[in-house]
Each structure stands twice: as C-alpha cells, then as structure tokens.
Amino acid sequence: MSAVTLDVGDGVSLEARLSIPGDVRAGVVLCHPHPLYGGDMDSSVVARAAEACAARGVGTLRFNFRGVGGSTGTHDDGRAEQDDVRAALAELRRRLPAGTAVAVAGYSFGAAVAAAVAADTPMAGLALIAPPIRLTPMTPPTVDGPILIVVGANDQYCPPAALKAVRDRVPRVTLTVIDGADHFFSGGLDELGAALEVWAAALAT
C-alpha cells in the first residue's frame, strides 16, 4: 500500500492510499462515511471492503474526502465531494493497465455520493454499503456492470424495506441483507466482507 495525493482540479488535494496487487484484475475506488460524524478512509467498513477486494485480486484506492484528515478544502454536503470521487476514478484508471475494469464502492455518506456519481460517470460496477436513503434520496444507478447493495437488517438509516423500490427499478441489483447488523455492521463485518468478495470477483471476470 502506498500513499498518494489526488488533485481534484479546484485547488483541492486529497490524501489517499493505493493498493494494487501484481496480478491486478480490476480496481475499486472506496468512499468513506460521513466526515462530520468521524468518517474517514480508516473506517472499519472501508478497511473490510479493501480486504475483500484484495482477496479477489482487485486493487483499491481509498481517500479522505475534502476537509478530512490531510485533505484540503471544506465539506460540501455531498456536492463537491462528487468531484473527489471522479478525481479518484481518474487516478485509479491512470495507475492500472489500460482497459482494466474500475468500479466504486461507498459506505453510508460515501454510498450516497457514489450513487450520484454513477448517474453520469462511466464505471464498471457499483457497491452501495448501507446507503442512507432515509436521509438522502437515492437515484437508481445506471451502471452496466455488477451492482450490489448490502445493508444490515437493523439499519436505522437504510431500512431494507425501503430498498424495494430501488430493486424494482433496477432488477440487476443484488440486495444482501445481513441479519443482526445495524448501520455500522457491528458483528456483521465478516458477512459484509463475503458479500463484497462475490461482487469483486464479478468485477474481475
């Protein structure tokens, strides 16, 4: 794993960590939870997602959104953060062999930002971990590759029943509900990792 700096293009630079295995088969940008509530790229869920990708030969680029940790700029409630994700996608594509599939995975706030970017930015797949649809309406993604939504059965911000409309509008979505887990996946990280490994494997085919 190596430290890198992402230039967003609006004077903002983001601290990031890049991990690319020698036999890399795909790449994933990882987006962390809400920065105003302590979210950053060291979140246990983000770390578990990175481990799941690595297990399937998938490289990752995780970063701190603007205003978090060593990243410059200020929080913009998910608007300018979309440019942060696009900058991360561009950097990961630059670092990988030409033609390598590149996708995005986001957790909570990061899932909401990732879904917004997926509405107008090409990517090879999308994983939304506990998207906070009770607080932020989500536009169904228009991604051609594998789409995963994974949520805890006891998630207070993303009740599984509310995801039915998304699944009805995008039948290709794989919806995984983890029994006993809440929004923070306490006690459910192993099941989360297993779901993400299946998604990462589909990216790498």
C-alpha atoms as a PDB file:
ATOM      1  CA  MET A   1       0.000   0.000   0.000  1.00  0.00           C
ATOM      2  CA  SER A   2       1.346   3.427  -0.913  1.00  0.00           C
ATOM      3  CA  ALA A   3       0.336   6.968  -0.046  1.00  0.00           C
ATOM      4  CA  VAL A   4      -0.735   9.144  -2.974  1.00  0.00           C
ATOM      5  CA  THR A   5      -2.151  12.631  -3.397  1.00  0.00           C
ATOM      6  CA  LEU A   6      -5.145  13.310  -5.645  1.00  0.00           C
ATOM      7  CA  ASP A   7      -5.521  16.652  -7.429  1.00  0.00           C
ATOM      8  CA  VAL A   8      -9.225  17.396  -7.758  1.00  0.00           C
ATOM      9  CA  GLY A   9      -8.692  20.369 -10.050  1.00  0.00           C
ATOM     10  CA  ASP A  10     -10.437  23.050  -7.999  1.00  0.00           C
ATOM     11  CA  GLY A  11      -7.454  23.700  -5.760  1.00  0.00           C
ATOM     12  CA  VAL A  12      -8.286  20.770  -3.514  1.00  0.00           C
ATOM     13  CA  SER A  13      -5.878  17.913  -2.900  1.00  0.00           C
ATOM     14  CA  LEU A  14      -6.865  14.649  -1.244  1.00  0.00           C
ATOM     15  CA  GLU A  15      -4.777  12.225   0.764  1.00  0.00           C
ATOM     16  CA  ALA A  16      -5.240   8.666  -0.427  1.00  0.00           C
ATOM     17  CA  ARG A  17      -3.868   5.141  -0.209  1.00  0.00           C
ATOM     18  CA  LEU A  18      -3.332   2.949  -3.231  1.00  0.00           C
ATOM     19  CA  SER A  19      -3.053  -0.829  -3.191  1.00  0.00           C
ATOM     20  CA  ILE A  20      -2.516  -2.706  -6.456  1.00  0.00           C
ATOM     21  CA  PRO A  21      -1.607  -6.418  -6.478  1.00  0.00           C
ATOM     22  CA  GLY A  22       0.853  -7.660  -9.063  1.00  0.00           C
ATOM     23  CA  ASP A  23      -1.817  -9.663 -10.854  1.00  0.00           C
ATOM     24  CA  VAL A  24      -4.480  -6.959 -10.587  1.00  0.00           C
ATOM     25  CA  ARG A  25      -7.744  -7.902 -12.313  1.00  0.00           C
ATOM     26  CA  ALA A  26      -9.870  -4.827 -11.582  1.00  0.00           C
ATOM     27  CA  GLY A  27      -9.857  -1.677  -9.459  1.00  0.00           C
ATOM     28  CA  VAL A  28     -12.225  -0.094  -6.949  1.00  0.00           C
ATOM     29  CA  VAL A  29     -12.430   3.409  -5.531  1.00  0.00           C
ATOM     30  CA  LEU A  30     -13.567   3.276  -1.885  1.00  0.00           C
ATOM     31  CA  CYS A  31     -15.627   6.135  -0.393  1.00  0.00           C
ATOM     32  CA  HIS A  32     -15.872   6.613   3.368  1.00  0.00           C
ATOM     33  CA  PRO A  33     -18.812   7.532   5.659  1.00  0.00           C
ATOM     34  CA  HIS A  34     -19.915  11.000   6.761  1.00  0.00           C
ATOM     35  CA  PRO A  35     -16.952  13.215   7.688  1.00  0.00           C
ATOM     36  CA  LEU A  36     -18.968  15.325  10.135  1.00  0.00           C
ATOM     37  CA  TYR A  37     -19.543  12.207  12.236  1.00  0.00           C
ATOM     38  CA  GLY A  38     -15.978  10.950  12.275  1.00  0.00           C
ATOM     39  CA  GLY A  39     -15.943   9.139   8.935  1.00  0.00           C
ATOM     40  CA  ASP A  40     -12.650   8.739   7.113  1.00  0.00           C
ATOM     41  CA  MET A  41     -10.774   6.241   4.958  1.00  0.00           C
ATOM     42  CA  ASP A  42      -9.757   4.263   8.056  1.00  0.00           C
ATOM     43  CA  SER A  43     -13.361   3.299   8.825  1.00  0.00           C
ATOM     44  CA  SER A  44     -13.607  -0.376   9.751  1.00  0.00           C
ATOM     45  CA  VAL A  45     -16.145  -0.922   6.962  1.00  0.00           C
ATOM     46  CA  VAL A  46     -13.896   0.724   4.375  1.00  0.00           C
ATOM     47  CA  ALA A  47     -10.954  -1.346   5.606  1.00  0.00           C
ATOM     48  CA  ARG A  48     -13.044  -4.530   5.343  1.00  0.00           C
ATOM     49  CA  ALA A  49     -14.030  -3.580   1.791  1.00  0.00           C
ATOM     50  CA  ALA A  50     -10.349  -3.134   0.884  1.00  0.00           C
ATOM     51  CA  GLU A  51      -9.551  -6.577   2.315  1.00  0.00           C
ATOM     52  CA  ALA A  52     -12.407  -8.173   0.358  1.00  0.00           C
ATOM     53  CA  CYS A  53     -11.163  -6.625  -2.885  1.00  0.00           C
ATOM     54  CA  ALA A  54      -7.574  -7.691  -2.225  1.00  0.00           C
ATOM     55  CA  ALA A  55      -8.724 -11.264  -1.674  1.00  0.00           C
ATOM     56  CA  ARG A  56     -10.027 -11.291  -5.249  1.00  0.00           C
ATOM     57  CA  GLY A  57      -7.025  -9.643  -6.906  1.00  0.00           C
ATOM     58  CA  VAL A  58      -8.767  -6.258  -7.113  1.00  0.00           C
ATOM     59  CA  GLY A  59      -6.782  -3.094  -6.495  1.00  0.00           C
ATOM     60  CA  THR A  60      -8.165  -0.277  -4.357  1.00  0.00           C
ATOM     61  CA  LEU A  61      -7.815   3.460  -3.971  1.00  0.00           C
ATOM     62  CA  ARG A  62      -9.282   4.828  -0.749  1.00  0.00           C
ATOM     63  CA  PHE A  63      -9.136   8.522   0.057  1.00  0.00           C
ATOM     64  CA  ASN A  64     -10.278  11.164   2.510  1.00  0.00           C
ATOM     65  CA  PHE A  65     -12.955  13.472   1.192  1.00  0.00           C
ATOM     66  CA  ARG A  66     -12.176  17.195   1.134  1.00  0.00           C
ATOM     67  CA  GLY A  67     -11.727  18.647   4.612  1.00  0.00           C
ATOM     68  CA  VAL A  68     -10.954  15.276   6.192  1.00  0.00           C
ATOM     69  CA  GLY A  69      -7.556  14.363   7.655  1.00  0.00           C
ATOM     70  CA  GLY A  70      -4.814  15.615   5.357  1.00  0.00           C
ATOM     71  CA  SER A  71      -7.198  16.506   2.520  1.00  0.00           C
ATOM     72  CA  THR A  72      -7.643  20.213   1.848  1.00  0.00           C
ATOM     73  CA  GLY A  73     -10.892  22.042   1.167  1.00  0.00           C
ATOM     74  CA  THR A  74     -14.109  22.008   3.169  1.00  0.00           C
ATOM     75  CA  HIS A  75     -17.082  19.678   3.480  1.00  0.00           C
ATOM     76  CA  ASP A  76     -19.793  20.432   0.891  1.00  0.00           C
ATOM     77  CA  ASP A  77     -22.646  18.134   1.950  1.00  0.00           C
ATOM     78  CA  GLY A  78     -22.013  15.666  -0.878  1.00  0.00           C
ATOM     79  CA  ARG A  79     -21.902  18.106  -3.794  1.00  0.00           C
ATOM     80  CA  ALA A  80     -18.219  18.927  -4.414  1.00  0.00           C
ATOM     81  CA  GLU A  81     -17.427  15.507  -2.967  1.00  0.00           C
ATOM     82  CA  GLN A  82     -18.693  14.062  -6.248  1.00  0.00           C
ATOM     83  CA  ASP A  83     -15.683  15.684  -7.911  1.00  0.00           C
ATOM     84  CA  ASP A  84     -13.481  13.997  -5.311  1.00  0.00           C
ATOM     85  CA  VAL A  85     -14.807  10.612  -6.456  1.00  0.00           C
ATOM     86  CA  ARG A  86     -14.314  11.472 -10.128  1.00  0.00           C
ATOM     87  CA  ALA A  87     -10.717  12.517  -9.410  1.00  0.00           C
ATOM     88  CA  ALA A  88     -10.136   9.203  -7.620  1.00  0.00           C
ATOM     89  CA  LEU A  89     -11.585   7.268 -10.554  1.00  0.00           C
ATOM     90  CA  ALA A  90      -9.323   9.100 -12.989  1.00  0.00           C
ATOM     91  CA  GLU A  91      -6.243   8.466 -10.832  1.00  0.00           C
ATOM     92  CA  LEU A  92      -7.000   4.772 -10.392  1.00  0.00           C
ATOM     93  CA  ARG A  93      -7.545   4.327 -14.123  1.00  0.00           C
ATOM     94  CA  ARG A  94      -4.208   6.034 -14.738  1.00  0.00           C
ATOM     95  CA  ARG A  95      -2.445   3.657 -12.354  1.00  0.00           C
ATOM     96  CA  LEU A  96      -3.946   0.447 -13.753  1.00  0.00           C
ATOM     97  CA  PRO A  97      -3.221  -1.303 -17.055  1.00  0.00           C
ATOM     98  CA  ALA A  98      -5.268   0.084 -19.940  1.00  0.00           C
ATOM     99  CA  GLY A  99      -8.713  -1.450 -20.182  1.00  0.00           C
ATOM    100  CA  THR A 100      -8.860  -2.649 -16.561  1.00  0.00           C
ATOM    101  CA  ALA A 101     -12.378  -2.516 -15.108  1.00  0.00           C
ATOM    102  CA  VAL A 102     -12.771   0.226 -12.498  1.00  0.00           C
ATOM    103  CA  ALA A 103     -15.710   0.450 -10.089  1.00  0.00           C
ATOM    104  CA  VAL A 104     -16.769   2.383  -6.982  1.00  0.00           C
ATOM    105  CA  ALA A 105     -17.825   1.204  -3.537  1.00  0.00           C
ATOM    106  CA  GLY A 106     -19.167   3.596  -0.921  1.00  0.00           C
ATOM    107  CA  TYR A 107     -20.337   3.295   2.668  1.00  0.00           C
ATOM    108  CA  SER A 108     -23.180   5.415   4.109  1.00  0.00           C
ATOM    109  CA  PHE A 109     -22.449   9.044   3.074  1.00  0.00           C
ATOM    110  CA  GLY A 110     -19.882   7.609   0.662  1.00  0.00           C
ATOM    111  CA  ALA A 111     -22.582   5.403  -0.856  1.00  0.00           C
ATOM    112  CA  ALA A 112     -24.837   8.395  -1.467  1.00  0.00           C
ATOM    113  CA  VAL A 113     -22.001  10.274  -3.179  1.00  0.00           C
ATOM    114  CA  ALA A 114     -21.010   7.206  -5.199  1.00  0.00           C
ATOM    115  CA  ALA A 115     -24.595   6.700  -6.392  1.00  0.00           C
ATOM    116  CA  ALA A 116     -24.800  10.328  -7.503  1.00  0.00           C
ATOM    117  CA  VAL A 117     -21.555   9.989  -9.475  1.00  0.00           C
ATOM    118  CA  ALA A 118     -22.769   6.732 -11.042  1.00  0.00           C
ATOM    119  CA  ALA A 119     -25.690   8.603 -12.583  1.00  0.00           C
ATOM    120  CA  ASP A 120     -23.425  10.387 -15.075  1.00  0.00           C
ATOM    121  CA  THR A 121     -19.945   8.859 -14.887  1.00  0.00           C
ATOM    122  CA  PRO A 122     -18.977   5.566 -16.571  1.00  0.00           C
ATOM    123  CA  MET A 123     -17.859   2.826 -14.201  1.00  0.00           C
ATOM    124  CA  ALA A 124     -17.683  -0.954 -14.376  1.00  0.00           C
ATOM    125  CA  GLY A 125     -19.611  -1.670 -11.187  1.00  0.00           C
ATOM    126  CA  LEU A 126     -21.041  -0.170  -8.030  1.00  0.00           C
ATOM    127  CA  ALA A 127     -21.335  -1.346  -4.427  1.00  0.00           C
ATOM    128  CA  LEU A 128     -23.517   0.672  -2.050  1.00  0.00           C
ATOM    129  CA  ILE A 129     -22.965  -0.249   1.582  1.00  0.00           C
ATOM    130  CA  ALA A 130     -25.756   0.967   3.872  1.00  0.00           C
ATOM    131  CA  PRO A 131     -26.843   3.868   1.634  1.00  0.00           C
ATOM    132  CA  PRO A 132     -28.651   6.346   3.943  1.00  0.00           C
ATOM    133  CA  ILE A 133     -31.836   6.536   1.891  1.00  0.00           C
ATOM    134  CA  ARG A 134     -33.932   7.563   4.880  1.00  0.00           C
ATOM    135  CA  LEU A 135     -31.922  10.811   4.943  1.00  0.00           C
ATOM    136  CA  THR A 136     -30.793  11.170   1.321  1.00  0.00           C
ATOM    137  CA  PRO A 137     -32.993  10.060  -1.600  1.00  0.00           C
ATOM    138  CA  MET A 138     -31.060   7.791  -3.953  1.00  0.00           C
ATOM    139  CA  THR A 139     -31.281   7.814  -7.711  1.00  0.00           C
ATOM    140  CA  PRO A 140     -31.135   4.251  -9.026  1.00  0.00           C
ATOM    141  CA  PRO A 141     -27.713   3.719 -10.631  1.00  0.00           C
ATOM    142  CA  THR A 142     -27.282   3.235 -14.367  1.00  0.00           C
ATOM    143  CA  VAL A 143     -24.163   1.062 -14.254  1.00  0.00           C
ATOM    144  CA  ASP A 144     -23.666  -1.715 -16.809  1.00  0.00           C
ATOM    145  CA  GLY A 145     -21.613  -3.972 -14.522  1.00  0.00           C
ATOM    146  CA  PRO A 146     -22.404  -5.701 -11.217  1.00  0.00           C
ATOM    147  CA  ILE A 147     -24.373  -3.632  -8.701  1.00  0.00           C
ATOM    148  CA  LEU A 148     -24.509  -4.599  -5.043  1.00  0.00           C
ATOM    149  CA  ILE A 149     -26.474  -3.065  -2.196  1.00  0.00           C
ATOM    150  CA  VAL A 150     -25.665  -4.514   1.204  1.00  0.00           C
ATOM    151  CA  VAL A 151     -27.427  -3.435   4.387  1.00  0.00           C
ATOM    152  CA  GLY A 152     -27.912  -4.607   7.945  1.00  0.00           C
ATOM    153  CA  ALA A 153     -31.374  -5.867   8.841  1.00  0.00           C
ATOM    154  CA  ASN A 154     -31.426  -3.397  11.758  1.00  0.00           C
ATOM    155  CA  ASP A 155     -30.085  -0.379   9.847  1.00  0.00           C
ATOM    156  CA  GLN A 156     -31.752   2.734  11.233  1.00  0.00           C
ATOM    157  CA  TYR A 157     -30.816   4.870   8.220  1.00  0.00           C
ATOM    158  CA  CYS A 158     -31.398   2.347   5.439  1.00  0.00           C
ATOM    159  CA  PRO A 159     -34.326   0.064   6.302  1.00  0.00           C
ATOM    160  CA  PRO A 160     -34.232  -2.907   3.913  1.00  0.00           C
ATOM    161  CA  ALA A 161     -37.915  -2.470   3.061  1.00  0.00           C
ATOM    162  CA  ALA A 162     -37.152   0.963   1.613  1.00  0.00           C
ATOM    163  CA  LEU A 163     -34.760  -0.597  -0.885  1.00  0.00           C
ATOM    164  CA  LYS A 164     -37.560  -2.486  -2.614  1.00  0.00           C
ATOM    165  CA  ALA A 165     -38.295   0.475  -4.893  1.00  0.00           C
ATOM    166  CA  VAL A 166     -34.665   0.593  -5.984  1.00  0.00           C
ATOM    167  CA  ARG A 167     -34.596  -3.130  -6.683  1.00  0.00           C
ATOM    168  CA  ASP A 168     -37.850  -2.885  -8.629  1.00  0.00           C
ATOM    169  CA  ARG A 169     -36.406  -0.130 -10.824  1.00  0.00           C
ATOM    170  CA  VAL A 170     -33.032  -1.827 -11.305  1.00  0.00           C
ATOM    171  CA  PRO A 171     -33.706  -5.583 -11.356  1.00  0.00           C
ATOM    172  CA  ARG A 172     -29.996  -6.360 -11.828  1.00  0.00           C
ATOM    173  CA  VAL A 173     -29.216  -5.133  -8.319  1.00  0.00           C
ATOM    174  CA  THR A 174     -28.054  -7.783  -5.883  1.00  0.00           C
ATOM    175  CA  LEU A 175     -29.526  -6.899  -2.475  1.00  0.00           C
ATOM    176  CA  THR A 176     -27.876  -8.524   0.528  1.00  0.00           C
ATOM    177  CA  VAL A 177     -29.403  -8.097   3.995  1.00  0.00           C
ATOM    178  CA  ILE A 178     -27.236  -9.125   6.948  1.00  0.00           C
ATOM    179  CA  ASP A 179     -29.239 -10.409   9.888  1.00  0.00           C
ATOM    180  CA  GLY A 180     -28.443  -8.796  13.230  1.00  0.00           C
ATOM    181  CA  ALA A 181     -26.319  -5.996  11.741  1.00  0.00           C
ATOM    182  CA  ASP A 182     -27.053  -2.286  12.079  1.00  0.00           C
ATOM    183  CA  HIS A 183     -25.830   0.717  10.090  1.00  0.00           C
ATOM    184  CA  PHE A 184     -22.323   0.224  11.477  1.00  0.00           C
ATOM    185  CA  PHE A 185     -22.204  -3.542  10.805  1.00  0.00           C
ATOM    186  CA  SER A 186     -21.365  -4.339  14.403  1.00  0.00           C
ATOM    187  CA  GLY A 187     -20.941  -8.093  14.430  1.00  0.00           C
ATOM    188  CA  GLY A 188     -21.569  -8.247  10.694  1.00  0.00           C
ATOM    189  CA  LEU A 189     -18.210  -7.374   9.151  1.00  0.00           C
ATOM    190  CA  ASP A 190     -17.471 -10.962   8.128  1.00  0.00           C
ATOM    191  CA  GLU A 191     -20.778 -11.269   6.272  1.00  0.00           C
ATOM    192  CA  LEU A 192     -20.208  -7.860   4.695  1.00  0.00           C
ATOM    193  CA  GLY A 193     -16.781  -8.946   3.508  1.00  0.00           C
ATOM    194  CA  ALA A 194     -18.199 -12.126   1.996  1.00  0.00           C
ATOM    195  CA  ALA A 195     -20.798 -10.178   0.008  1.00  0.00           C
ATOM    196  CA  LEU A 196     -18.168  -7.747  -1.223  1.00  0.00           C
ATOM    197  CA  GLU A 197     -15.856 -10.583  -2.262  1.00  0.00           C
ATOM    198  CA  VAL A 198     -18.573 -12.015  -4.503  1.00  0.00           C
ATOM    199  CA  TRP A 199     -19.095  -8.560  -6.053  1.00  0.00           C
ATOM    200  CA  ALA A 200     -15.340  -8.034  -6.521  1.00  0.00           C
ATOM    201  CA  ALA A 201     -15.000 -11.441  -8.147  1.00  0.00           C
ATOM    202  CA  ALA A 202     -17.705 -10.487 -10.662  1.00  0.00           C
ATOM    203  CA  LEU A 203     -15.769  -7.320 -11.494  1.00  0.00           C
ATOM    204  CA  ALA A 204     -12.614  -9.290 -12.088  1.00  0.00           C
ATOM    205  CA  THR A 205     -14.091 -11.757 -14.601  1.00  0.00           C
END
